[in-house]
Amino acid sequence: MLTFLGISMVVVFTYLIMSKRLSPINALTIVPIIFALIGGFGADLGDMMLEGLKVVAPSAALLLFAILFFGVLIDAGLFDPLIKKMLGIVKGDPVKITIGTAILASTVALDGDGTTTHMITISAMLPLYLRLGMNPLVLAIISLLSLSIMSGMTPWGGPATRAITSLGLDASEFFIPLLPTMLGGLLCVLFTAYVLGKKERERVGVIDIDYTQKDTVVSHLTEAAATYDLSESLKRPKLLWVNLLLTLTVMVVLVMGILPVPVLFLIGFVVASMINYPDLEQQKERLLAHAGNALTVVTLVFAAGIFTGIFSGTKMVDAIANSLVSIIPDSLGSFFPIVVALTSMPFTFVLSNDAYYFGVLPILAEAASAYGVDPVEIARASVLGQPVHFLSPLVASTLLLVGMVKTDIGQLQRYGFKWAVFCSIGVTIIAVLTGAISLF
């Protein structure tokens, strides 16, 4: 009963947001409540939702202060030199732009944080995409896929950390055999960027941008800059190195884990505001300028907390996991790592990483042990579906991403689903060929 109820809830939820029958916020809130009532969980509904909100509260705080922090730095012009340099390299060629996007996003994603990756990549590249008339969804899916490979497979990224922790594994034993797979995944992302870039080149052509030393980034990107309210009066070119040092300091502290990430970005936002806009009225204006985007994303995160709280609290997650294990034929036992890799795509799409890696993965590892499969292979296989996972509306950084490119989650899913599946299958094949997971 719970299995049927859980699967039905996920199917209805996915249909409603992809068909635009409901907004993601409404679907994330209303659908699980209705199914919980159908299942007879009305008495515990409030506690389950509150527990879900508690779980996502740190993510909501992180996104709120990260948006404000990077928003102030964008206003101050921190990324203008990067855009100018990128313009000089790509020279208006969509293929070069998409490949450059993949390289930039993959580099930034090395810290394993999705919010940072999207904030920097989209902030730096979106004005250029808009200036050339390129589809912002191309930028979004390349940034998302780059993050899914780098954050999904590195031991300090969220998915791998959870997999290692839940199965009690050694990080180096998990990661070193996975390195060729990760490199292969990056090649898949670059290939995707190349193909999408060629399509954009056929659509908009190669645009000759006359970029001289006297010109400014804003003069070339006036239309795009208007989206972010980037007026010259907000620029702080004399503070460029100060802002860069502040950003690098925040990133180093983030990687070292000295402070909780939400607290770190709150401090960063406060310091950035005081340095760049010492006048209290200016600080208030910058806060209000980014409040709309921040509120939308934070609301989505809390709505996702309602969904995950009910999904976990009703034990629908456990029921679906147990049903999966029970229907796997014994003849597929020797292919268990492949089964885990392939099923990780739909499972991580409908479940949060916490629910999957701490709830489902131990069950799968236990079942695999009956067939003589090492748990470390199951852990490696479990991260191979991350490109699909990052399309889920339950991923906080993806909600930030769609907000930054002014689209909705349904559009991003429809556009990027086939490329996410391509990357997931690609890394699975590479993992088998390089021995990260065994075929028999």
Protein backbone atom coordinates (compact mmCIF):
# COMPACT_ATOMS: atom_id res chain seq x y z
CA MET A 1 0.00 0.00 0.00
CA LEU A 2 2.73 2.48 0.99
CA THR A 3 4.76 1.61 -2.09
CA PHE A 4 1.81 2.26 -4.38
CA LEU A 5 0.96 5.47 -2.51
CA GLY A 6 4.55 6.74 -2.71
CA ILE A 7 4.99 5.97 -6.39
CA SER A 8 1.60 7.51 -7.18
CA MET A 9 2.55 10.65 -5.28
CA VAL A 10 5.81 11.03 -7.19
CA VAL A 11 4.10 10.41 -10.56
CA VAL A 12 1.33 12.92 -9.86
CA PHE A 13 3.79 15.49 -8.51
CA THR A 14 6.12 15.15 -11.53
CA TYR A 15 3.21 15.35 -14.00
CA LEU A 16 1.76 18.48 -12.39
CA ILE A 17 4.98 20.49 -12.49
CA MET A 18 6.14 19.30 -15.92
CA SER A 19 2.74 19.99 -17.46
CA LYS A 20 2.61 23.36 -15.65
CA ARG A 21 -0.70 22.48 -13.98
CA LEU A 22 0.77 23.69 -10.70
CA SER A 23 3.79 25.78 -9.77
CA PRO A 24 6.65 23.87 -8.10
CA ILE A 25 5.88 25.56 -4.75
CA ASN A 26 2.22 24.57 -4.88
CA ALA A 27 2.94 21.01 -6.07
CA LEU A 28 5.64 20.42 -3.46
CA THR A 29 3.23 21.47 -0.72
CA ILE A 30 -0.23 20.31 -1.78
CA VAL A 31 0.51 16.93 -3.40
CA PRO A 32 2.23 15.26 -0.40
CA ILE A 33 -0.39 16.62 2.00
CA ILE A 34 -3.21 15.10 -0.07
CA PHE A 35 -1.48 11.73 -0.37
CA ALA A 36 -0.64 11.71 3.35
CA LEU A 37 -4.32 12.28 4.14
CA ILE A 38 -5.30 9.49 1.74
CA GLY A 39 -2.87 7.19 3.55
CA GLY A 40 -4.38 8.00 6.93
CA PHE A 41 -1.46 10.05 8.29
CA GLY A 42 -3.48 13.16 9.09
CA ALA A 43 -2.78 13.05 12.83
CA ASP A 44 1.02 13.14 12.32
CA LEU A 45 1.03 15.47 9.34
CA GLY A 46 2.05 18.59 11.26
CA ASP A 47 5.03 16.92 12.94
CA MET A 48 6.25 15.42 9.68
CA MET A 49 6.09 18.75 7.86
CA LEU A 50 7.84 20.54 10.72
CA GLU A 51 10.60 17.93 10.72
CA GLY A 52 11.02 18.43 6.98
CA LEU A 53 11.28 22.19 7.45
CA LYS A 54 13.95 21.70 10.12
CA VAL A 55 15.98 19.54 7.74
CA VAL A 56 15.99 22.11 4.92
CA ALA A 57 16.34 25.20 7.12
CA PRO A 58 20.17 25.28 6.88
CA SER A 59 19.95 24.99 3.07
CA ALA A 60 17.40 27.81 2.96
CA ALA A 61 19.65 30.03 5.09
CA LEU A 62 22.64 29.14 2.93
CA LEU A 63 20.83 30.06 -0.29
CA LEU A 64 19.44 33.28 1.16
CA PHE A 65 22.79 34.65 2.28
CA ALA A 66 24.71 33.25 -0.72
CA ILE A 67 22.33 35.05 -3.11
CA LEU A 68 22.78 38.28 -1.20
CA PHE A 69 26.57 37.86 -0.93
CA PHE A 70 27.16 37.19 -4.62
CA GLY A 71 24.47 39.69 -5.57
CA VAL A 72 26.41 42.50 -3.92
CA LEU A 73 29.64 41.35 -5.60
CA ILE A 74 27.91 41.22 -8.99
CA ASP A 75 26.59 44.75 -8.45
CA ALA A 76 30.12 45.89 -7.55
CA GLY A 77 31.46 44.48 -10.84
CA LEU A 78 33.63 41.64 -9.52
CA PHE A 79 32.90 39.44 -12.55
CA ASP A 80 33.17 42.15 -15.22
CA PRO A 81 36.87 41.41 -15.98
CA LEU A 82 36.06 37.71 -16.34
CA ILE A 83 33.27 38.48 -18.81
CA LYS A 84 35.56 40.83 -20.71
CA LYS A 85 38.27 38.17 -20.92
CA MET A 86 35.76 35.55 -22.00
CA LEU A 87 34.48 37.88 -24.73
CA GLY A 88 38.01 38.26 -26.03
CA ILE A 89 38.53 34.48 -26.17
CA VAL A 90 35.23 33.26 -27.57
CA LYS A 91 34.73 36.18 -30.00
CA GLY A 92 31.00 35.59 -30.33
CA ASP A 93 31.22 31.90 -31.30
CA PRO A 94 28.48 29.90 -29.50
CA VAL A 95 30.54 26.68 -29.63
CA LYS A 96 33.48 28.33 -27.86
CA ILE A 97 31.09 29.93 -25.40
CA THR A 98 29.43 26.65 -24.40
CA ILE A 99 32.76 24.84 -24.06
CA GLY A 100 34.11 27.75 -22.03
CA THR A 101 31.02 27.52 -19.84
CA ALA A 102 31.69 23.82 -19.17
CA ILE A 103 35.33 24.49 -18.27
CA LEU A 104 34.42 27.41 -16.00
CA ALA A 105 31.60 25.53 -14.23
CA SER A 106 33.70 22.39 -13.75
CA THR A 107 36.54 24.41 -12.27
CA VAL A 108 34.30 26.33 -9.88
CA ALA A 109 32.47 23.12 -8.91
CA LEU A 110 35.68 21.66 -7.49
CA ASP A 111 34.64 22.98 -4.08
CA GLY A 112 31.59 20.69 -4.27
CA ASP A 113 29.11 23.45 -3.53
CA GLY A 114 26.24 23.83 -6.00
CA THR A 115 25.24 27.30 -4.90
CA THR A 116 28.71 28.71 -5.45
CA THR A 117 29.04 27.00 -8.82
CA HIS A 118 25.79 28.36 -10.22
CA MET A 119 26.19 31.82 -8.73
CA ILE A 120 29.62 32.32 -10.29
CA THR A 121 28.98 30.53 -13.60
CA ILE A 122 25.59 32.08 -14.32
CA SER A 123 26.64 35.53 -13.12
CA ALA A 124 29.69 35.48 -15.38
CA MET A 125 28.14 33.92 -18.49
CA LEU A 126 24.45 34.85 -18.63
CA PRO A 127 25.00 38.43 -19.85
CA LEU A 128 27.09 37.02 -22.71
CA TYR A 129 24.41 34.45 -23.63
CA LEU A 130 21.73 37.14 -23.64
CA ARG A 131 23.92 39.53 -25.64
CA LEU A 132 24.36 36.94 -28.39
CA GLY A 133 20.75 35.75 -28.30
CA MET A 134 21.66 32.27 -27.09
CA ASN A 135 19.20 30.12 -25.15
CA PRO A 136 19.82 30.54 -21.37
CA LEU A 137 18.69 26.93 -20.88
CA VAL A 138 21.91 25.86 -22.63
CA LEU A 139 23.91 27.71 -19.99
CA ALA A 140 21.76 26.23 -17.22
CA ILE A 141 22.10 22.59 -18.31
CA ILE A 142 25.85 22.85 -18.88
CA SER A 143 26.36 24.36 -15.43
CA LEU A 144 24.13 21.69 -13.89
CA LEU A 145 25.88 18.76 -15.61
CA SER A 146 29.33 20.10 -14.72
CA LEU A 147 28.29 20.35 -11.09
CA SER A 148 26.75 16.86 -11.11
CA ILE A 149 30.05 15.29 -12.13
CA MET A 150 32.38 17.29 -9.90
CA SER A 151 30.17 17.45 -6.82
CA GLY A 152 28.66 14.00 -7.32
CA MET A 153 31.91 12.04 -7.40
CA THR A 154 34.45 13.90 -5.28
CA PRO A 155 34.59 12.72 -1.63
CA TRP A 156 33.99 16.25 -0.36
CA GLY A 157 30.87 16.61 -2.53
CA GLY A 158 27.48 15.94 -0.95
CA PRO A 159 26.47 12.64 -2.66
CA ALA A 160 29.83 10.89 -2.30
CA THR A 161 30.20 12.05 1.30
CA ARG A 162 26.81 10.56 2.14
CA ALA A 163 27.59 7.30 0.34
CA ILE A 164 30.93 6.92 2.12
CA THR A 165 29.42 7.80 5.50
CA SER A 166 26.32 5.60 5.25
CA LEU A 167 28.36 2.50 4.33
CA GLY A 168 31.38 3.26 6.55
CA LEU A 169 33.90 3.30 3.69
CA ASP A 170 37.38 4.72 3.24
CA ALA A 171 37.29 7.88 1.10
CA SER A 172 40.43 7.08 -0.91
CA GLU A 173 39.28 3.53 -1.58
CA PHE A 174 36.03 4.95 -2.92
CA PHE A 175 37.48 7.81 -4.94
CA ILE A 176 40.77 6.76 -6.56
CA PRO A 177 39.26 4.00 -8.77
CA LEU A 178 36.50 6.47 -9.66
CA LEU A 179 38.90 9.13 -11.01
CA PRO A 180 38.88 7.84 -14.64
CA THR A 181 35.09 7.76 -14.49
CA MET A 182 34.98 11.36 -13.31
CA LEU A 183 37.32 12.43 -16.11
CA GLY A 184 35.12 10.53 -18.56
CA GLY A 185 32.12 12.34 -17.13
CA LEU A 186 33.79 15.67 -17.80
CA LEU A 187 34.33 14.59 -21.41
CA CYS A 188 30.62 13.77 -21.62
CA VAL A 189 29.82 17.28 -20.38
CA LEU A 190 32.25 18.84 -22.88
CA PHE A 191 30.70 16.78 -25.69
CA THR A 192 27.23 17.93 -24.61
CA ALA A 193 28.46 21.53 -24.55
CA TYR A 194 29.93 21.12 -28.05
CA VAL A 195 26.69 19.69 -29.48
CA LEU A 196 24.53 22.36 -27.86
CA GLY A 197 26.98 25.03 -28.99
CA LYS A 198 26.78 23.81 -32.59
CA LYS A 199 22.99 23.97 -32.45
CA GLU A 200 23.16 27.52 -31.14
CA ARG A 201 25.72 28.45 -33.80
CA GLU A 202 23.33 27.20 -36.49
CA ARG A 203 20.50 29.18 -34.92
CA VAL A 204 22.13 32.54 -34.12
CA GLY A 205 25.39 32.33 -36.08
CA VAL A 206 28.79 33.71 -35.05
CA ILE A 207 28.36 37.30 -33.94
CA ASP A 208 31.26 39.71 -34.37
CA ILE A 209 31.60 41.75 -31.19
CA ASP A 210 33.75 44.84 -31.52
CA TYR A 211 35.37 44.94 -28.11
CA THR A 212 37.89 47.70 -27.49
CA GLN A 213 39.79 48.84 -24.44
CA LYS A 214 37.67 51.98 -24.20
CA ASP A 215 34.48 50.00 -23.99
CA THR A 216 33.09 48.71 -20.76
CA VAL A 217 31.37 45.43 -20.10
CA VAL A 218 28.09 47.18 -19.41
CA SER A 219 28.16 49.18 -22.66
CA HIS A 220 28.31 45.93 -24.61
CA LEU A 221 25.85 44.10 -22.40
CA THR A 222 23.33 46.86 -21.71
CA GLU A 223 20.29 44.75 -22.40
CA ALA A 224 21.56 41.80 -20.39
CA ALA A 225 22.80 43.99 -17.57
CA ALA A 226 19.38 45.53 -17.17
CA THR A 227 18.22 42.15 -15.90
CA TYR A 228 20.51 42.58 -12.90
CA ASP A 229 20.11 46.34 -12.49
CA LEU A 230 23.82 46.81 -13.18
CA SER A 231 24.30 50.58 -13.44
CA GLU A 232 27.69 52.22 -13.53
CA SER A 233 27.00 53.99 -10.24
CA LEU A 234 27.05 50.61 -8.48
CA LYS A 235 30.43 49.55 -9.86
CA ARG A 236 33.43 49.53 -7.58
CA PRO A 237 36.43 48.95 -9.91
CA LYS A 238 38.89 50.27 -7.32
CA LEU A 239 37.74 47.55 -4.91
CA LEU A 240 38.13 44.72 -7.43
CA TRP A 241 41.08 43.09 -5.66
CA VAL A 242 39.50 43.59 -2.26
CA ASN A 243 36.31 41.88 -3.44
CA LEU A 244 38.31 39.10 -5.07
CA LEU A 245 40.26 38.52 -1.86
CA LEU A 246 37.00 38.46 0.11
CA THR A 247 35.52 35.90 -2.28
CA LEU A 248 38.60 33.68 -2.16
CA THR A 249 38.65 33.89 1.62
CA VAL A 250 35.02 32.81 1.80
CA MET A 251 35.72 29.91 -0.58
CA VAL A 252 38.76 28.74 1.40
CA VAL A 253 36.87 28.88 4.71
CA LEU A 254 34.00 27.01 3.05
CA VAL A 255 36.26 24.19 1.85
CA MET A 256 38.08 23.99 5.20
CA GLY A 257 34.77 23.81 7.06
CA ILE A 258 35.82 26.31 9.72
CA LEU A 259 32.35 27.86 9.95
CA PRO A 260 28.86 26.62 9.15
CA VAL A 261 28.22 27.59 5.54
CA PRO A 262 25.07 29.71 6.16
CA VAL A 263 26.93 31.67 8.85
CA LEU A 264 29.91 32.08 6.53
CA PHE A 265 27.81 33.59 3.73
CA LEU A 266 25.95 35.84 6.19
CA ILE A 267 29.28 37.24 7.38
CA GLY A 268 30.47 37.51 3.77
CA PHE A 269 27.35 39.42 2.76
CA VAL A 270 27.68 41.84 5.68
CA VAL A 271 31.36 42.51 4.99
CA ALA A 272 30.79 42.90 1.22
CA SER A 273 27.95 45.37 1.85
CA MET A 274 30.00 47.45 4.27
CA ILE A 275 33.05 47.55 1.99
CA ASN A 276 31.29 48.35 -1.27
CA TYR A 277 28.31 50.35 -0.05
CA PRO A 278 29.15 52.01 3.28
CA ASP A 279 26.08 54.25 3.05
CA LEU A 280 23.15 52.66 4.93
CA GLU A 281 20.64 53.70 2.27
CA GLN A 282 22.73 52.01 -0.43
CA GLN A 283 22.92 48.85 1.64
CA LYS A 284 19.15 48.84 1.98
CA GLU A 285 18.75 49.32 -1.80
CA ARG A 286 21.07 46.39 -2.57
CA LEU A 287 19.20 44.18 -0.12
CA LEU A 288 15.85 45.03 -1.70
CA ALA A 289 17.27 44.58 -5.21
CA HIS A 290 18.02 40.90 -4.55
CA ALA A 291 15.21 40.18 -2.11
CA GLY A 292 12.79 38.97 -4.82
CA ASN A 293 15.12 36.30 -6.18
CA ALA A 294 16.14 35.23 -2.68
CA LEU A 295 12.56 34.96 -1.45
CA THR A 296 11.49 32.83 -4.43
CA VAL A 297 14.33 30.36 -3.96
CA VAL A 298 13.96 30.12 -0.18
CA THR A 299 10.22 29.54 -0.49
CA LEU A 300 10.88 26.70 -2.93
CA VAL A 301 13.37 25.14 -0.52
CA PHE A 302 10.90 25.19 2.35
CA ALA A 303 8.21 23.72 0.09
CA ALA A 304 10.66 20.93 -0.78
CA GLY A 305 11.08 20.41 2.97
CA ILE A 306 7.34 19.74 3.26
CA PHE A 307 7.60 17.14 0.49
CA THR A 308 10.61 15.31 1.92
CA GLY A 309 9.27 15.48 5.47
CA ILE A 310 6.04 13.75 4.49
CA PHE A 311 7.77 11.33 2.12
CA SER A 312 10.14 10.20 4.87
CA GLY A 313 7.74 10.48 7.80
CA THR A 314 5.10 8.25 6.18
CA LYS A 315 7.81 5.63 5.44
CA MET A 316 6.94 5.73 1.74
CA VAL A 317 10.68 5.92 1.04
CA ASP A 318 11.38 2.72 2.95
CA ALA A 319 8.48 0.91 1.31
CA ILE A 320 9.64 1.81 -2.21
CA ALA A 321 13.23 0.76 -1.41
CA ASN A 322 12.17 -2.60 0.03
CA SER A 323 9.89 -3.25 -2.92
CA LEU A 324 12.73 -2.56 -5.33
CA VAL A 325 15.01 -5.03 -3.59
CA SER A 326 12.30 -7.69 -3.52
CA ILE A 327 11.56 -7.51 -7.26
CA ILE A 328 15.17 -7.81 -8.42
CA PRO A 329 15.52 -11.36 -9.82
CA ASP A 330 18.31 -13.54 -8.49
CA SER A 331 19.66 -13.80 -12.03
CA LEU A 332 20.53 -10.10 -11.87
CA GLY A 333 22.44 -10.51 -8.63
CA SER A 334 25.81 -10.59 -10.35
CA PHE A 335 24.89 -7.38 -12.18
CA PHE A 336 23.89 -5.61 -8.98
CA PRO A 337 26.27 -2.63 -9.37
CA ILE A 338 24.78 -1.96 -12.82
CA VAL A 339 21.29 -2.25 -11.36
CA VAL A 340 22.19 0.26 -8.65
CA ALA A 341 23.76 2.65 -11.19
CA LEU A 342 20.70 2.60 -13.45
CA THR A 343 18.11 2.77 -10.67
CA SER A 344 20.01 5.62 -9.01
CA MET A 345 18.72 7.87 -11.81
CA PRO A 346 15.00 7.64 -10.97
CA PHE A 347 15.61 7.12 -7.25
CA THR A 348 17.79 10.18 -6.77
CA PHE A 349 15.41 12.20 -8.94
CA VAL A 350 12.42 11.59 -6.66
CA LEU A 351 14.36 11.42 -3.38
CA SER A 352 16.63 13.83 -1.60
CA ASN A 353 20.25 12.75 -1.30
CA ASP A 354 19.76 12.23 2.42
CA ALA A 355 16.76 9.96 1.83
CA TYR A 356 18.53 7.93 -0.83
CA TYR A 357 21.99 7.56 0.67
CA PHE A 358 20.94 7.08 4.27
CA GLY A 359 17.68 5.26 3.63
CA VAL A 360 17.90 3.32 0.38
CA LEU A 361 21.63 2.74 -0.17
CA PRO A 362 22.23 0.65 2.99
CA ILE A 363 19.36 -1.63 1.91
CA LEU A 364 20.86 -2.00 -1.57
CA ALA A 365 24.35 -2.66 -0.15
CA GLU A 366 22.95 -5.31 2.18
CA ALA A 367 21.14 -7.00 -0.70
CA ALA A 368 24.29 -6.84 -2.86
CA SER A 369 26.37 -8.53 -0.18
CA ALA A 370 24.23 -11.64 -0.63
CA TYR A 371 25.65 -11.87 -4.15
CA GLY A 372 29.23 -11.24 -3.04
CA VAL A 373 29.37 -7.62 -4.25
CA ASP A 374 31.70 -5.29 -2.32
CA PRO A 375 29.82 -2.35 -0.70
CA VAL A 376 32.37 0.10 -2.12
CA GLU A 377 31.20 -0.80 -5.63
CA ILE A 378 27.61 -0.14 -4.63
CA ALA A 379 28.69 3.24 -3.25
CA ARG A 380 30.46 4.13 -6.50
CA ALA A 381 27.48 2.95 -8.56
CA SER A 382 25.11 5.05 -6.46
CA VAL A 383 26.69 8.36 -7.52
CA LEU A 384 26.52 7.65 -11.25
CA GLY A 385 22.91 8.89 -11.53
CA GLN A 386 23.70 12.35 -10.17
CA PRO A 387 23.25 14.18 -13.52
CA VAL A 388 19.59 13.14 -13.40
CA HIS A 389 19.33 13.86 -9.67
CA PHE A 390 20.34 17.48 -10.20
CA LEU A 391 17.27 18.01 -12.39
CA SER A 392 15.06 17.25 -9.40
CA PRO A 393 13.05 20.10 -7.84
CA LEU A 394 14.27 18.77 -4.49
CA VAL A 395 17.80 20.07 -5.18
CA ALA A 396 18.24 23.49 -3.61
CA SER A 397 20.99 24.65 -5.98
CA THR A 398 18.83 23.74 -8.99
CA LEU A 399 16.06 25.95 -7.65
CA LEU A 400 18.60 28.75 -7.44
CA LEU A 401 19.75 27.96 -10.99
CA VAL A 402 16.30 28.25 -12.57
CA GLY A 403 15.75 31.50 -10.69
CA MET A 404 18.96 32.99 -12.03
CA VAL A 405 18.20 32.16 -15.68
CA LYS A 406 14.58 33.32 -15.32
CA THR A 407 12.91 30.01 -16.17
CA ASP A 408 11.04 27.30 -14.27
CA ILE A 409 12.01 23.80 -13.21
CA GLY A 410 9.64 22.15 -15.69
CA GLN A 411 11.26 23.90 -18.66
CA LEU A 412 14.72 22.95 -17.46
CA GLN A 413 13.67 19.30 -17.05
CA ARG A 414 12.10 19.10 -20.50
CA TYR A 415 15.15 20.65 -22.12
CA GLY A 416 17.87 18.88 -20.17
CA PHE A 417 16.48 15.43 -19.36
CA LYS A 418 17.98 13.62 -22.36
CA TRP A 419 21.39 15.20 -21.77
CA ALA A 420 21.33 14.26 -18.10
CA VAL A 421 20.44 10.65 -18.97
CA PHE A 422 23.19 10.65 -21.62
CA CYS A 423 25.80 11.74 -19.05
CA SER A 424 24.57 9.22 -16.46
CA ILE A 425 24.68 6.32 -18.90
CA GLY A 426 28.02 7.56 -20.21
CA VAL A 427 29.69 7.56 -16.79
CA THR A 428 28.15 4.16 -16.02
CA ILE A 429 29.71 2.66 -19.15
CA ILE A 430 33.06 4.28 -18.34
CA ALA A 431 32.87 3.00 -14.76
CA VAL A 432 32.41 -0.55 -16.05
CA LEU A 433 35.22 -0.23 -18.62
CA THR A 434 37.68 1.18 -16.07
CA GLY A 435 36.78 -1.28 -13.33
CA ALA A 436 35.22 1.18 -10.90
CA ILE A 437 32.24 -1.14 -10.82
CA SER A 438 32.29 -4.76 -11.95
CA LEU A 439 30.00 -6.29 -14.54
CA PHE A 440 29.94 -9.75 -12.94
